[in-house]
Amino acid sequence: MMFANITPNWFASVMGTGIVANAAATLPLQFPGLRVFATIVWAFASIALVGLIVATGWHWAAHRRTARGHHLNPVMAHFYGAPPMALLTVGAGTLLLGKDVLGETAAVSIDMVLWTAGTVLGLISAAAVPYLTFTRHDVSDDSAFGGWLMPVVPPMVSAATGALLLPYVPEGQARLTLLLGCYAMFGLSLVASLIVITLIWGRLARHKIGAAAMVPTLWIVLGPLGQSITAVNLLGGNAHLVVDERWAHALELFGVIYGVPVLGFALLWGALAAMITIRTAREHLPFSLTWWSFTFPVGTCVTGVTGLALHTGSTVLAVLAVIFYIGLVAAWGIVAVRTFHGSILRGTLFAPPRPVA
């Protein structure tokens, strides 16, 4: 009965593990053994993804009523954004790191499949979950939380990871379509994320922090911020493969013009989230799967700052990316150990989600 209550937020563990590998692959300062470490972590993320897909399939087959009920839960439904992002993260890792093991041809093919599946599922989550929120879910003025970003962020991840596939797509209309599609998904996710972030800020101002267990989800706000910086810099860096030199230079410049100011707000939000987390931890911060919010969003900031460091030549940004990565690895280690203890050793993380009042 271990998987009788498997929920979509479990895929956040794949996201958090995969970003540790992906961020290491592009870190501006490389260290001996870092790529080997990243490849091993990518392998763990890949195995975890396969395991969760099998477990979820079994859950839907054996406990269909429970599985179908997740989308009616106004909290759990938002985490349907996690499975597509898990697919996209592992796919990108396969291209960045897996090619050392599988070969470039196999790595590209696998990433193409995972990117396509993740993108389709991500676009569905970006439309379906807000639709359910607007028409079915019971929400109040204090309902907004970081998890509301989960269903609308996958298209941003598709934009960033799609940029990595540009060199492998046939020249001409295919590449142009992919580039334009990635920028469209960037805009889709950015505007929706800004709306949700505004709602979260307003909820915090009017209703304060709320339940301690939901505090880690404040870190999810860093996800669309860091991933958007990553996306525009990767797209700008590969734009020369698609458009002429003038447009390619403009798109690369846009990555910096957009990325540096957004990084400023990301640093502000990171400081606020850290202070609130420390304040809550001093009282009581119970462990749950929401702790994976400490990983993937921070990882997107690593990749975003890495892109800015590459396009500006800034040593300060390169060092900042390394500092963020050290923090990411530390958080991932703690959360991974706690997850293993809570799932394999105790089984408490497989308890059914609490009903919503």
Protein backbone atom coordinates (compact mmCIF):
# COMPACT_ATOMS: atom_id res chain seq x y z
CA MET A 1 0.00 0.00 0.00
CA MET A 2 3.08 2.28 -0.19
CA PHE A 3 1.84 3.98 -3.37
CA ALA A 4 -1.84 4.09 -2.50
CA ASN A 5 -1.56 7.83 -1.93
CA ILE A 6 1.23 8.83 -4.32
CA THR A 7 0.74 12.48 -5.24
CA PRO A 8 2.07 14.66 -8.08
CA ASN A 9 4.22 16.74 -5.71
CA TRP A 10 6.56 13.73 -5.43
CA PHE A 11 7.94 14.74 -8.83
CA ALA A 12 9.41 17.81 -7.15
CA SER A 13 12.10 15.49 -5.79
CA VAL A 14 13.13 14.69 -9.37
CA MET A 15 13.17 18.38 -10.24
CA GLY A 16 15.29 19.21 -7.19
CA THR A 17 17.74 16.39 -7.86
CA GLY A 18 17.97 17.01 -11.60
CA ILE A 19 18.72 20.72 -11.21
CA VAL A 20 21.72 19.89 -9.01
CA ALA A 21 23.18 17.98 -11.96
CA ASN A 22 22.19 20.47 -14.66
CA ALA A 23 23.47 23.51 -12.77
CA ALA A 24 26.83 21.81 -12.24
CA ALA A 25 27.20 21.07 -15.96
CA THR A 26 27.19 24.76 -16.87
CA LEU A 27 28.71 26.30 -13.72
CA PRO A 28 31.18 29.06 -14.73
CA LEU A 29 33.89 27.74 -12.40
CA GLN A 30 34.47 24.02 -12.88
CA PHE A 31 36.19 21.88 -10.24
CA PRO A 32 37.87 18.46 -10.51
CA GLY A 33 35.26 15.73 -10.17
CA LEU A 34 32.31 18.11 -10.55
CA ARG A 35 31.17 16.64 -13.87
CA VAL A 36 31.43 13.09 -12.52
CA PHE A 37 29.37 14.12 -9.49
CA ALA A 38 26.81 15.82 -11.74
CA THR A 39 26.52 12.75 -13.96
CA ILE A 40 25.89 10.50 -10.96
CA VAL A 41 23.21 12.88 -9.67
CA TRP A 42 21.60 12.98 -13.13
CA ALA A 43 21.51 9.16 -13.10
CA PHE A 44 19.76 9.21 -9.71
CA ALA A 45 17.23 11.74 -11.01
CA SER A 46 16.60 9.60 -14.10
CA ILE A 47 16.02 6.48 -12.02
CA ALA A 48 13.73 8.40 -9.68
CA LEU A 49 11.75 9.73 -12.64
CA VAL A 50 11.21 6.26 -14.06
CA GLY A 51 10.27 4.93 -10.62
CA LEU A 52 7.73 7.70 -10.03
CA ILE A 53 6.18 7.26 -13.47
CA VAL A 54 5.72 3.54 -12.77
CA ALA A 55 4.39 4.22 -9.26
CA THR A 56 1.97 6.85 -10.57
CA GLY A 57 0.75 4.51 -13.29
CA TRP A 58 0.14 1.79 -10.72
CA HIS A 59 -1.60 4.31 -8.47
CA TRP A 60 -3.98 5.34 -11.26
CA ALA A 61 -4.68 1.72 -12.14
CA ALA A 62 -5.25 0.48 -8.58
CA HIS A 63 -6.58 3.62 -6.86
CA ARG A 64 -8.28 5.52 -9.64
CA ARG A 65 -10.78 7.27 -7.38
CA THR A 66 -8.02 8.64 -5.14
CA ALA A 67 -5.92 9.65 -8.12
CA ARG A 68 -8.81 11.46 -9.81
CA GLY A 69 -9.48 13.35 -6.59
CA HIS A 70 -6.11 15.13 -6.56
CA HIS A 71 -7.21 17.69 -9.15
CA LEU A 72 -10.18 18.66 -6.97
CA ASN A 73 -7.92 19.48 -4.01
CA PRO A 74 -7.24 23.25 -4.29
CA VAL A 75 -3.73 22.78 -2.88
CA MET A 76 -2.61 19.50 -4.44
CA ALA A 77 -3.96 20.33 -7.91
CA HIS A 78 -1.31 23.00 -8.45
CA PHE A 79 1.44 20.40 -8.11
CA TYR A 80 0.40 18.83 -11.39
CA GLY A 81 3.00 21.23 -12.74
CA ALA A 82 5.73 19.10 -11.15
CA PRO A 83 5.59 16.03 -13.48
CA PRO A 84 6.21 18.01 -16.69
CA MET A 85 9.06 19.94 -15.07
CA ALA A 86 10.59 16.67 -13.89
CA LEU A 87 10.51 15.36 -17.48
CA LEU A 88 12.07 18.56 -18.80
CA THR A 89 14.78 18.67 -16.14
CA VAL A 90 15.89 15.08 -16.67
CA GLY A 91 15.73 15.58 -20.44
CA ALA A 92 18.05 18.59 -20.25
CA GLY A 93 20.40 16.63 -18.00
CA THR A 94 20.47 13.82 -20.52
CA LEU A 95 21.63 16.26 -23.20
CA LEU A 96 24.14 18.05 -20.95
CA LEU A 97 25.55 15.04 -19.08
CA GLY A 98 23.98 11.82 -20.30
CA LYS A 99 25.68 12.11 -23.68
CA ASP A 100 28.96 11.19 -21.94
CA VAL A 101 27.43 7.84 -21.09
CA LEU A 102 24.84 7.23 -23.82
CA GLY A 103 26.41 9.00 -26.74
CA GLU A 104 25.18 12.20 -28.35
CA THR A 105 22.67 10.60 -30.73
CA ALA A 106 20.86 8.68 -28.00
CA ALA A 107 20.99 11.64 -25.61
CA VAL A 108 19.45 13.99 -28.18
CA SER A 109 16.70 11.48 -29.01
CA ILE A 110 15.82 10.94 -25.36
CA ASP A 111 15.78 14.67 -24.68
CA MET A 112 13.56 15.27 -27.71
CA VAL A 113 11.01 12.78 -26.36
CA LEU A 114 11.15 14.11 -22.79
CA TRP A 115 11.05 17.74 -23.93
CA THR A 116 8.04 17.11 -26.15
CA ALA A 117 6.14 15.21 -23.46
CA GLY A 118 7.06 17.74 -20.77
CA THR A 119 6.09 20.67 -22.96
CA VAL A 120 2.69 19.22 -23.88
CA LEU A 121 1.91 18.31 -20.27
CA GLY A 122 3.21 21.68 -19.09
CA LEU A 123 0.96 23.62 -21.46
CA ILE A 124 -1.97 21.52 -20.32
CA SER A 125 -1.21 22.20 -16.64
CA ALA A 126 -0.77 25.93 -17.35
CA ALA A 127 -4.33 26.08 -18.70
CA ALA A 128 -6.18 23.32 -16.84
CA VAL A 129 -5.16 24.06 -13.26
CA PRO A 130 -5.99 27.80 -13.37
CA TYR A 131 -9.27 26.84 -15.07
CA LEU A 132 -10.08 24.55 -12.14
CA THR A 133 -9.10 27.31 -9.73
CA PHE A 134 -11.42 29.75 -11.50
CA THR A 135 -14.36 27.35 -11.78
CA ARG A 136 -14.17 24.51 -9.24
CA HIS A 137 -11.84 25.15 -6.32
CA ASP A 138 -12.93 26.94 -3.18
CA VAL A 139 -10.42 29.74 -2.54
CA SER A 140 -10.35 32.70 -0.19
CA ASP A 141 -8.32 35.88 0.20
CA ASP A 142 -5.59 34.00 2.07
CA SER A 143 -5.38 31.00 -0.28
CA ALA A 144 -2.57 32.22 -2.54
CA PHE A 145 0.71 30.41 -1.89
CA GLY A 146 3.90 29.56 -3.75
CA GLY A 147 2.38 26.39 -5.13
CA TRP A 148 0.09 28.48 -7.34
CA LEU A 149 3.15 29.04 -9.52
CA MET A 150 3.75 25.34 -10.13
CA PRO A 151 1.29 24.85 -13.03
CA VAL A 152 2.34 28.00 -14.91
CA VAL A 153 6.13 27.62 -14.65
CA PRO A 154 6.56 24.49 -16.88
CA PRO A 155 6.36 26.51 -20.14
CA MET A 156 9.26 28.62 -18.86
CA VAL A 157 11.25 25.45 -18.24
CA SER A 158 10.35 24.35 -21.77
CA ALA A 159 11.64 27.67 -23.10
CA ALA A 160 14.98 27.26 -21.32
CA THR A 161 15.48 23.60 -22.16
CA GLY A 162 14.18 24.07 -25.69
CA ALA A 163 17.03 26.50 -26.30
CA LEU A 164 19.47 23.62 -25.70
CA LEU A 165 17.82 21.68 -28.54
CA LEU A 166 18.17 24.42 -31.16
CA PRO A 167 21.52 23.13 -32.49
CA TYR A 168 20.00 19.68 -33.05
CA VAL A 169 16.85 20.77 -34.90
CA PRO A 170 16.97 20.98 -38.73
CA GLU A 171 17.87 24.43 -40.06
CA GLY A 172 15.20 26.67 -41.50
CA GLN A 173 11.56 26.78 -40.44
CA ALA A 174 11.98 24.04 -37.81
CA ARG A 175 14.57 26.02 -35.85
CA LEU A 176 12.70 29.27 -36.31
CA THR A 177 9.47 27.69 -35.05
CA LEU A 178 11.25 26.27 -32.00
CA LEU A 179 12.87 29.63 -31.22
CA LEU A 180 9.63 31.58 -31.56
CA GLY A 181 7.72 28.92 -29.63
CA CYS A 182 10.20 29.13 -26.77
CA TYR A 183 9.89 32.92 -26.61
CA ALA A 184 6.09 32.58 -26.64
CA MET A 185 6.23 30.11 -23.74
CA PHE A 186 8.60 32.48 -21.95
CA GLY A 187 5.98 35.24 -22.21
CA LEU A 188 3.10 32.93 -21.29
CA SER A 189 4.79 31.82 -18.10
CA LEU A 190 6.29 35.22 -17.21
CA VAL A 191 3.02 37.17 -17.29
CA ALA A 192 1.11 34.45 -15.41
CA SER A 193 3.90 34.22 -12.81
CA LEU A 194 3.93 37.97 -12.24
CA ILE A 195 0.20 37.87 -11.53
CA VAL A 196 0.59 35.03 -9.04
CA ILE A 197 3.62 36.62 -7.35
CA THR A 198 1.57 39.78 -6.86
CA LEU A 199 -1.21 37.73 -5.26
CA ILE A 200 1.30 36.03 -2.93
CA TRP A 201 2.81 39.37 -1.91
CA GLY A 202 -0.68 40.73 -1.20
CA ARG A 203 -1.62 37.65 0.83
CA LEU A 204 1.55 37.96 2.94
CA ALA A 205 0.88 41.65 3.55
CA ARG A 206 -2.75 41.15 4.58
CA HIS A 207 -2.74 37.70 6.18
CA LYS A 208 0.93 37.25 7.20
CA ILE A 209 2.90 34.03 6.95
CA GLY A 210 0.22 31.44 7.66
CA ALA A 211 0.82 27.73 8.29
CA ALA A 212 4.44 26.80 8.99
CA ALA A 213 4.29 23.79 6.65
CA MET A 214 3.62 26.11 3.69
CA VAL A 215 6.53 28.48 4.39
CA PRO A 216 9.00 26.54 2.16
CA THR A 217 6.73 27.18 -0.83
CA LEU A 218 7.71 30.85 -0.66
CA TRP A 219 10.97 29.77 -2.30
CA ILE A 220 9.03 28.64 -5.38
CA VAL A 221 8.81 32.31 -6.38
CA LEU A 222 12.52 32.10 -7.25
CA GLY A 223 11.64 29.43 -9.82
CA PRO A 224 10.05 31.58 -12.54
CA LEU A 225 12.50 34.40 -11.79
CA GLY A 226 15.64 32.29 -12.13
CA GLN A 227 14.25 30.17 -14.94
CA SER A 228 13.23 33.23 -16.95
CA ILE A 229 16.77 34.63 -16.68
CA THR A 230 18.08 31.23 -17.77
CA ALA A 231 15.67 31.03 -20.68
CA VAL A 232 16.39 34.44 -22.22
CA ASN A 233 20.14 33.97 -21.92
CA LEU A 234 20.11 30.48 -23.43
CA LEU A 235 17.79 31.58 -26.22
CA GLY A 236 19.86 34.68 -26.87
CA GLY A 237 23.06 32.68 -26.86
CA ASN A 238 21.74 30.26 -29.49
CA ALA A 239 19.76 32.78 -31.54
CA HIS A 240 22.64 33.09 -34.03
CA LEU A 241 21.73 29.60 -35.21
CA VAL A 242 18.36 30.87 -36.39
CA VAL A 243 18.37 34.59 -37.18
CA ASP A 244 20.83 37.02 -38.74
CA GLU A 245 23.67 38.63 -36.81
CA ARG A 246 21.76 41.85 -36.05
CA TRP A 247 18.79 40.04 -34.49
CA ALA A 248 21.03 37.52 -32.73
CA HIS A 249 22.98 40.33 -31.05
CA ALA A 250 19.74 42.05 -30.01
CA LEU A 251 18.34 38.86 -28.47
CA GLU A 252 21.58 38.16 -26.64
CA LEU A 253 21.58 41.73 -25.32
CA PHE A 254 17.96 41.31 -24.23
CA GLY A 255 19.05 38.43 -22.00
CA VAL A 256 21.30 40.79 -20.03
CA ILE A 257 18.94 43.78 -20.04
CA TYR A 258 16.14 41.59 -18.73
CA GLY A 259 18.21 39.29 -16.52
CA VAL A 260 20.13 41.73 -14.33
CA PRO A 261 17.08 43.67 -13.03
CA VAL A 262 15.12 40.45 -12.45
CA LEU A 263 18.12 39.04 -10.58
CA GLY A 264 17.86 42.08 -8.31
CA PHE A 265 14.28 41.21 -7.41
CA ALA A 266 15.19 37.53 -7.03
CA LEU A 267 17.85 38.50 -4.47
CA LEU A 268 15.28 40.60 -2.61
CA TRP A 269 12.75 37.77 -2.57
CA GLY A 270 15.44 35.29 -1.55
CA ALA A 271 16.33 37.49 1.41
CA LEU A 272 12.67 37.78 2.45
CA ALA A 273 12.08 34.03 2.07
CA ALA A 274 15.24 33.28 4.07
CA MET A 275 14.23 35.57 6.92
CA ILE A 276 10.72 34.13 7.07
CA THR A 277 12.07 30.56 6.93
CA ILE A 278 14.57 31.19 9.73
CA ARG A 279 11.89 32.87 11.84
CA THR A 280 9.55 29.92 11.33
CA ALA A 281 12.27 27.31 11.94
CA ARG A 282 13.04 28.86 15.31
CA GLU A 283 9.46 28.11 16.31
CA HIS A 284 8.71 24.92 14.34
CA LEU A 285 9.13 23.98 10.69
CA PRO A 286 7.77 20.46 10.15
CA PHE A 287 9.33 18.40 7.39
CA SER A 288 7.21 17.61 4.35
CA LEU A 289 7.65 17.35 0.59
CA THR A 290 7.33 21.15 0.43
CA TRP A 291 10.97 21.24 1.56
CA TRP A 292 11.91 20.39 -2.04
CA SER A 293 11.02 24.04 -2.68
CA PHE A 294 14.48 24.81 -1.26
CA THR A 295 16.12 23.10 -4.23
CA PHE A 296 14.79 23.56 -7.78
CA PRO A 297 14.02 27.30 -7.48
CA VAL A 298 17.51 27.98 -6.11
CA GLY A 299 18.93 25.85 -8.91
CA THR A 300 17.24 28.03 -11.53
CA CYS A 301 18.96 31.03 -9.97
CA VAL A 302 22.29 29.24 -10.36
CA THR A 303 21.67 28.62 -14.06
CA GLY A 304 20.32 32.13 -14.53
CA VAL A 305 23.33 33.80 -12.90
CA THR A 306 25.59 31.46 -14.88
CA GLY A 307 24.05 32.72 -18.11
CA LEU A 308 24.50 36.34 -17.05
CA ALA A 309 28.12 35.69 -16.06
CA LEU A 310 28.78 34.18 -19.48
CA HIS A 311 27.27 37.07 -21.43
CA THR A 312 28.68 39.88 -19.28
CA GLY A 313 32.08 38.44 -18.36
CA SER A 314 31.40 39.43 -14.74
CA THR A 315 33.62 37.69 -12.20
CA VAL A 316 31.26 38.75 -9.42
CA LEU A 317 28.35 36.95 -11.09
CA ALA A 318 30.50 33.87 -11.69
CA VAL A 319 31.40 33.72 -8.00
CA LEU A 320 27.77 34.37 -7.04
CA ALA A 321 26.69 31.38 -9.17
CA VAL A 322 29.18 29.16 -7.34
CA ILE A 323 27.98 30.42 -3.95
CA PHE A 324 24.38 29.72 -4.91
CA TYR A 325 25.38 26.26 -6.13
CA ILE A 326 27.06 25.42 -2.83
CA GLY A 327 23.86 26.43 -1.04
CA LEU A 328 21.83 24.36 -3.50
CA VAL A 329 23.89 21.22 -2.87
CA ALA A 330 23.66 21.71 0.89
CA ALA A 331 19.88 22.11 0.75
CA TRP A 332 19.51 19.14 -1.61
CA GLY A 333 21.56 16.91 0.69
CA ILE A 334 19.45 17.77 3.72
CA VAL A 335 16.12 17.41 1.94
CA ALA A 336 17.12 14.18 0.17
CA VAL A 337 18.17 12.54 3.44
CA ARG A 338 15.00 13.68 5.20
CA THR A 339 12.89 12.41 2.29
CA PHE A 340 14.59 9.00 2.37
CA HIS A 341 13.99 8.79 6.12
CA GLY A 342 10.36 9.90 5.85
CA SER A 343 9.48 7.63 2.93
CA ILE A 344 11.59 4.48 3.03
CA LEU A 345 12.29 4.21 6.76
CA ARG A 346 9.09 5.60 8.26
CA GLY A 347 6.60 5.79 5.40
CA THR A 348 5.00 8.95 6.76
CA LEU A 349 5.38 10.80 3.46
CA PHE A 350 3.08 8.31 1.78
CA ALA A 351 0.16 9.28 4.00
CA PRO A 352 -2.87 10.65 2.15
CA PRO A 353 -3.01 14.43 1.70
CA ARG A 354 -4.99 16.18 4.36
CA PRO A 355 -8.52 17.10 3.30
CA VAL A 356 -9.21 20.73 2.63
CA ALA A 357 -11.76 22.31 4.91
